[in-house]
């Protein structure tokens, strides 16, 4: 049987609550699988997605397997035979996630598999679908963030017609009984730049020294500001490979500005919050006006 498999998995934060997903396609048929765990990592969810997909097959198959995880692909195609031969040791230390690699390895050997790496969030239909399914699986066991009504709440969204293309941003600030809205656009930009601009402009609505809760649906913004930015700053805004950080001008501006506020960053993807909906409408309207619609 010829099968096409797409998988994805992740945790937020990492480590933290995680979800995984797989789509199996054979002939005219398709099957989607998902799962979640309350405490895990990105890599463990990627491995669990592969395990779940292969466990669903009832007989040996010829498989085209697509993943955006280099850890999974290289682990299977380059590293695992050496790990197994060394009793799951690497340079005298236990292989990370050995329990899952040991589950996956015999499943892999039952099939003829060609492994493919696909760039994540790059428009591949099935990669995008498993990404959404994995996120939904994670959100199923993610408790909703408790909104502190005593602290101002800044909701930010972006919109882009083409990426890059004409773009807009929207920000909604709720402070007690008062609500302030702001928006803007650019003729040629990206979703990421508009999301960052929304935060920068939104923070400027508050006096320096304010405490604020910032709600975003952008993984790029959330992970960048909570995980990546410290090392970028230490490397003078260069990545590990020595290349410049994308959107470094905005990251530097946001880094400097955020020092003036007590910010609680909240990844609210998948949560139905009125402030986010309003910010999204502002961003969409800004794009419409930018392109003259």
Protein backbone atom coordinates (compact mmCIF):
# COMPACT_ATOMS: atom_id res chain seq x y z
CA UNK A 1 0.00 0.00 0.00
CA UNK A 2 1.32 3.45 -0.95
CA UNK A 3 0.83 6.01 1.81
CA UNK A 4 1.64 9.71 2.17
CA UNK A 5 2.12 10.93 5.74
CA UNK A 6 2.46 14.46 7.11
CA UNK A 7 3.19 15.01 10.81
CA UNK A 8 3.80 17.89 13.17
CA UNK A 9 4.07 18.47 16.90
CA UNK A 10 4.99 21.13 19.39
CA UNK A 11 4.83 22.43 22.94
CA UNK A 12 4.05 25.90 24.24
CA UNK A 13 6.08 26.83 26.14
CA UNK A 14 8.89 24.39 25.38
CA UNK A 15 8.84 22.38 27.59
CA UNK A 16 5.16 22.68 28.43
CA UNK A 17 1.73 21.62 27.17
CA UNK A 18 2.05 19.87 23.82
CA UNK A 19 0.08 18.50 20.92
CA UNK A 20 0.80 16.39 17.85
CA UNK A 21 -0.98 15.55 14.62
CA UNK A 22 -0.66 13.30 11.60
CA UNK A 23 -2.45 13.10 8.27
CA UNK A 24 -2.32 9.78 6.40
CA UNK A 25 -3.38 9.72 2.74
CA UNK A 26 -3.84 6.51 0.75
CA UNK A 27 -5.69 6.50 -2.57
CA UNK A 28 -8.89 8.49 -2.17
CA UNK A 29 -8.84 8.06 1.60
CA UNK A 30 -7.48 10.30 4.33
CA UNK A 31 -7.17 9.90 8.09
CA UNK A 32 -6.22 12.52 10.67
CA UNK A 33 -4.81 11.65 14.09
CA UNK A 34 -4.06 13.92 17.05
CA UNK A 35 -2.89 13.68 20.64
CA UNK A 36 -1.63 15.82 23.50
CA UNK A 37 0.34 15.73 26.73
CA UNK A 38 0.35 18.14 29.69
CA UNK A 39 4.16 18.28 30.05
CA UNK A 40 6.39 17.60 27.07
CA UNK A 41 8.70 19.20 24.47
CA UNK A 42 8.65 20.09 20.78
CA UNK A 43 10.88 17.14 19.92
CA UNK A 44 8.87 14.61 21.91
CA UNK A 45 5.68 15.72 20.17
CA UNK A 46 7.34 15.40 16.75
CA UNK A 47 8.38 11.86 17.65
CA UNK A 48 4.97 10.99 19.05
CA UNK A 49 3.33 12.18 15.84
CA UNK A 50 5.49 9.81 13.81
CA UNK A 51 4.80 6.94 16.22
CA UNK A 52 1.06 7.58 16.11
CA UNK A 53 1.03 7.69 12.32
CA UNK A 54 2.97 4.45 11.85
CA UNK A 55 1.00 2.63 14.56
CA UNK A 56 -2.16 3.37 12.56
CA UNK A 57 -0.93 1.29 9.60
CA UNK A 58 -2.12 -2.31 9.72
CA UNK A 59 0.30 -3.78 7.15
CA UNK A 60 3.72 -3.01 5.65
CA UNK A 61 3.53 -0.04 3.32
CA UNK A 62 5.55 2.14 0.98
CA UNK A 63 5.51 5.59 2.57
CA UNK A 64 6.38 9.13 1.57
CA UNK A 65 6.86 10.77 4.98
CA UNK A 66 6.89 14.58 5.29
CA UNK A 67 8.01 16.46 8.40
CA UNK A 68 9.26 19.96 9.19
CA UNK A 69 11.40 18.55 12.02
CA UNK A 70 15.08 18.12 11.17
CA UNK A 71 15.45 16.40 14.54
CA UNK A 72 13.04 13.66 13.47
CA UNK A 73 14.31 13.29 9.91
CA UNK A 74 18.01 13.28 10.77
CA UNK A 75 17.43 11.11 13.82
CA UNK A 76 15.90 8.39 11.66
CA UNK A 77 18.08 8.73 8.57
CA UNK A 78 21.48 9.52 10.12
CA UNK A 79 21.73 8.92 13.86
CA UNK A 80 19.49 6.10 15.06
CA UNK A 81 21.53 3.11 13.90
CA UNK A 82 24.55 4.41 15.81
CA UNK A 83 22.45 5.08 18.90
CA UNK A 84 21.00 1.57 18.81
CA UNK A 85 24.45 0.01 18.30
CA UNK A 86 25.75 1.97 21.32
CA UNK A 87 22.87 0.84 23.55
CA UNK A 88 21.15 4.23 23.19
CA UNK A 89 24.17 6.14 24.40
CA UNK A 90 25.72 9.23 22.80
CA UNK A 91 29.26 10.10 23.88
CA UNK A 92 28.70 8.18 27.09
CA UNK A 93 25.41 9.88 27.93
CA UNK A 94 21.84 8.62 27.36
CA UNK A 95 20.26 9.66 24.08
CA UNK A 96 17.56 12.25 24.68
CA UNK A 97 14.03 10.89 24.24
CA UNK A 98 15.42 7.36 23.97
CA UNK A 99 12.09 5.89 25.10
CA UNK A 100 10.34 7.34 22.05
CA UNK A 101 13.15 6.56 19.61
CA UNK A 102 13.00 2.94 20.80
CA UNK A 103 9.25 2.88 20.09
CA UNK A 104 9.67 4.48 16.69
CA UNK A 105 12.59 2.41 15.38
CA UNK A 106 10.83 -1.00 15.10
CA UNK A 107 7.80 0.70 13.53
CA UNK A 108 10.00 2.31 10.89
CA UNK A 109 11.62 -1.03 10.02
CA UNK A 110 8.22 -2.53 9.14
CA UNK A 111 7.87 -0.22 6.12
CA UNK A 112 9.72 1.22 3.16
CA UNK A 113 9.89 4.91 4.00
CA UNK A 114 11.30 7.86 2.09
CA UNK A 115 11.77 10.76 4.49
CA UNK A 116 11.25 14.35 3.32
CA UNK A 117 11.91 17.60 5.14
CA UNK A 118 9.45 20.39 4.34
CA UNK A 119 9.88 23.95 5.53
CA UNK A 120 7.28 24.84 8.14
CA UNK A 121 4.85 27.73 7.68
CA UNK A 122 5.82 28.07 4.03
CA UNK A 123 2.46 27.43 2.39
CA UNK A 124 2.52 23.63 2.06
CA UNK A 125 -1.16 22.69 2.37
CA UNK A 126 -0.75 19.53 4.41
CA UNK A 127 2.05 20.86 6.58
CA UNK A 128 -0.17 23.81 7.45
CA UNK A 129 -3.06 21.46 8.23
CA UNK A 130 -1.10 19.25 10.62
CA UNK A 131 0.29 22.38 12.26
CA UNK A 132 -3.25 23.59 12.93
CA UNK A 133 -4.38 20.17 14.15
CA UNK A 134 -1.41 19.88 16.52
CA UNK A 135 -2.12 23.35 17.88
CA UNK A 136 -5.79 22.50 18.38
CA UNK A 137 -4.81 19.32 20.22
CA UNK A 138 -2.57 21.36 22.51
CA UNK A 139 -5.26 23.96 23.15
CA UNK A 140 -7.74 21.23 24.14
CA UNK A 141 -5.82 20.80 27.40
CA UNK A 142 -4.54 24.38 27.73
CA UNK A 143 -6.39 26.28 30.46
CA UNK A 144 -7.57 29.72 29.29
CA UNK A 145 -5.40 32.58 30.45
CA UNK A 146 -6.81 34.40 33.40
CA UNK A 147 -7.28 38.03 32.43
CA UNK A 148 -6.45 40.43 35.23
CA UNK A 149 -9.11 43.12 34.89
CA UNK A 150 -7.09 45.49 37.10
CA UNK A 151 -4.20 45.69 34.61
CA UNK A 152 -4.46 47.26 31.11
CA UNK A 153 -4.90 44.75 28.30
CA UNK A 154 -3.35 45.29 24.87
CA UNK A 155 -4.66 43.13 22.01
CA UNK A 156 -2.70 43.12 18.73
CA UNK A 157 -3.35 41.62 15.30
CA UNK A 158 -1.97 41.91 11.79
CA UNK A 159 -3.17 41.29 8.25
CA UNK A 160 -1.34 41.07 4.93
CA UNK A 161 -2.55 40.63 1.35
CA UNK A 162 0.34 38.54 0.18
CA UNK A 163 3.34 37.97 2.40
CA UNK A 164 5.04 40.28 1.55
CA UNK A 165 2.35 42.61 0.28
CA UNK A 166 0.13 45.44 1.49
CA UNK A 167 -0.32 45.00 5.23
CA UNK A 168 -2.11 46.43 8.21
CA UNK A 169 -1.99 46.26 11.97
CA UNK A 170 -4.52 46.83 14.71
CA UNK A 171 -4.20 47.44 18.44
CA UNK A 172 -6.93 47.61 21.07
CA UNK A 173 -6.07 48.85 24.56
CA UNK A 174 -8.54 48.21 27.36
CA UNK A 175 -7.79 50.13 30.55
CA UNK A 176 -10.55 50.00 33.12
CA UNK A 177 -13.68 51.41 31.50
CA UNK A 178 -11.74 53.03 28.64
CA UNK A 179 -10.93 51.45 25.28
CA UNK A 180 -8.45 52.97 22.83
CA UNK A 181 -7.99 51.72 19.28
CA UNK A 182 -5.13 52.32 16.87
CA UNK A 183 -4.22 51.00 13.44
CA UNK A 184 -1.97 51.59 10.48
CA UNK A 185 -0.69 50.10 7.26
CA UNK A 186 2.27 49.77 4.90
CA UNK A 187 2.31 49.29 1.11
CA UNK A 188 4.79 46.38 1.14
CA UNK A 189 5.39 44.44 4.34
CA UNK A 190 4.86 41.09 6.09
CA UNK A 191 2.55 39.69 8.75
CA UNK A 192 5.46 39.50 11.18
CA UNK A 193 6.42 43.15 10.72
CA UNK A 194 2.83 44.28 11.11
CA UNK A 195 2.37 42.24 14.30
CA UNK A 196 5.49 43.80 15.81
CA UNK A 197 4.44 47.28 14.72
CA UNK A 198 1.07 46.74 16.39
CA UNK A 199 2.78 46.00 19.72
CA UNK A 200 5.16 48.95 19.45
CA UNK A 201 2.37 51.39 18.60
CA UNK A 202 0.08 49.85 21.21
CA UNK A 203 2.62 50.20 24.01
CA UNK A 204 3.06 53.87 23.12
CA UNK A 205 -0.60 54.39 24.07
CA UNK A 206 0.44 53.80 27.69
CA UNK A 207 2.64 56.02 29.86
CA UNK A 208 6.11 54.59 30.61
CA UNK A 209 6.19 52.53 33.77
CA UNK A 210 2.77 50.99 33.18
CA UNK A 211 1.97 47.34 33.73
CA UNK A 212 0.23 45.73 30.75
CA UNK A 213 -0.96 42.36 29.48
CA UNK A 214 -0.18 41.87 25.77
CA UNK A 215 -2.31 39.35 23.88
CA UNK A 216 -1.07 38.07 20.52
CA UNK A 217 -1.87 35.17 18.21
CA UNK A 218 1.59 35.31 16.59
CA UNK A 219 3.98 32.50 17.55
CA UNK A 220 6.76 34.52 15.92
CA UNK A 221 6.17 37.53 18.16
CA UNK A 222 5.54 35.52 21.31
CA UNK A 223 8.51 33.18 20.98
CA UNK A 224 10.76 35.97 19.76
CA UNK A 225 10.10 38.24 22.72
CA UNK A 226 9.98 35.52 25.39
CA UNK A 227 12.65 33.08 24.16
CA UNK A 228 14.88 34.24 21.30
CA UNK A 229 15.54 37.92 21.88
CA UNK A 230 18.07 37.57 24.70
CA UNK A 231 20.50 35.54 22.57
CA UNK A 232 19.93 37.77 19.56
CA UNK A 233 20.89 40.76 21.69
CA UNK A 234 23.99 38.98 23.01
CA UNK A 235 25.08 38.21 19.43
CA UNK A 236 24.50 41.82 18.34
CA UNK A 237 21.33 40.87 16.44
CA UNK A 238 22.86 37.97 14.56
CA UNK A 239 21.57 34.40 14.43
CA UNK A 240 23.69 31.37 15.33
CA UNK A 241 24.76 31.04 11.70
CA UNK A 242 26.04 34.62 11.69
CA UNK A 243 23.25 35.94 9.48
CA UNK A 244 21.28 39.04 10.52
CA UNK A 245 18.09 38.51 12.49
CA UNK A 246 15.04 39.15 10.30
CA UNK A 247 13.24 42.37 11.21
CA UNK A 248 16.13 43.38 13.48
CA UNK A 249 15.11 47.05 13.29
CA UNK A 250 11.73 46.29 14.85
CA UNK A 251 13.11 43.78 17.35
CA UNK A 252 15.60 46.37 18.58
CA UNK A 253 12.88 49.01 18.84
CA UNK A 254 10.58 46.62 20.72
CA UNK A 255 13.40 45.45 22.98
CA UNK A 256 14.24 49.01 23.99
CA UNK A 257 10.61 50.07 24.38
CA UNK A 258 9.59 47.04 26.44
CA UNK A 259 12.16 47.95 29.10
CA UNK A 260 9.85 50.84 30.02
CA UNK A 261 6.89 48.61 30.90
CA UNK A 262 6.01 45.66 33.12
CA UNK A 263 4.69 43.33 30.41
CA UNK A 264 3.01 39.97 30.71
CA UNK A 265 3.13 38.34 27.26
CA UNK A 266 0.25 35.99 26.44
CA UNK A 267 0.01 33.70 23.40
CA UNK A 268 -3.75 33.72 22.92
CA UNK A 269 -3.90 31.74 19.68
CA UNK A 270 -7.15 29.80 19.52
CA UNK A 271 -8.82 31.82 22.27
CA UNK A 272 -12.02 33.72 21.49
CA UNK A 273 -11.29 37.15 22.95
CA UNK A 274 -13.29 40.19 21.93
CA UNK A 275 -10.22 42.42 22.02
CA UNK A 276 -8.40 40.21 19.53
CA UNK A 277 -11.41 40.16 17.23
CA UNK A 278 -11.60 43.95 17.27
CA UNK A 279 -7.86 44.28 16.64
CA UNK A 280 -8.20 41.88 13.71
CA UNK A 281 -10.99 43.99 12.20
CA UNK A 282 -8.84 47.11 12.54
CA UNK A 283 -5.93 45.39 10.77
CA UNK A 284 -8.15 44.13 7.94
CA UNK A 285 -9.69 47.57 7.45
CA UNK A 286 -6.23 49.17 7.39
CA UNK A 287 -5.22 46.81 4.57
CA UNK A 288 -8.40 47.57 2.66
CA UNK A 289 -7.72 51.30 2.87
CA UNK A 290 -4.07 50.77 1.89
CA UNK A 291 -5.00 49.01 -1.35
CA UNK A 292 -7.85 51.41 -2.02
CA UNK A 293 -10.62 48.85 -1.58
